[in-house]
């Protein structure tokens, strides 16, 4: 059998590289301009290598009884890691994946094709434009994992965006965003204020060292109108190979402090990660 070899290709927004994992026979790492984007194991789509992906999976796992199908919107496609996870763990789910980079999507589908029976609809579009046109009350979960390079575009950080996402969610639905920040958490605080202006229930899931400001890292922010199952989320997060904390209520109010909601006119991209935060050598 031929050994898999790295694939490098220019895509619409940079240079993508798919690198085989030497430790897992059909597993691949996707980077764009050197920044890690996704990890996929074609033989085991429920295997999630990245910490933030595991935390988003905990949200999916806790949203409905085991195996029950869900309607999920994925803003940001990457290597389609979480759509593959949902297909494997919740057969019959309806999934819509929105990825602005057509070249990247073509590369992923060529080298890492979706399994047969996948019900994922793939849309090449800007995430904000797509969510504003999507049908109301049509999703149980909106998973936002959109990065331009290593930064979240400003258009996905405003109150106007939060309202658009809220319109698409069904009652009881959850918006789950993969954020990245570090102390003093100016961006994270602004996102707590922004989503808190639209959703009454907020939850953070992150590694303790990140929440304590010891390093820059990923933070999953959940926003909803109904309370999350905090006990179930905490059990999964704390027992994960990469343990995380679940924060809500007063702890988030203290963290947000006097931060104000951000409107489109004032929105900015998320901060540039410090050198070495996420890069691959």
Foldseek 3Di string as FASTA:
>chain_A
DDQDAKDWDAWPQAIKIWGDDPVARQKIWIAGPQFTDAIARLVCLLDGDDPVLLLVVLQVPQLDPWQAAFEEEEEAQQLNSVLLNNCVTHPPHAYEYEHQIPRRVVVSCVSPNRDPRRNYHYHRDHRQVVLQPDAFQAGQEYEYEDDSRNKAAQSCQALVSLVSNNRRHHASHKYKYKHKDAPVCLSVLQSCQSLCVPAVWKKKKDQPCRVVRVFIDIIIIMGHNDYGPQVSSQVSQCPDPRHIHMDTDPVSCVSSPPHHGHHSVRTHIHDDHDPPPRGDD
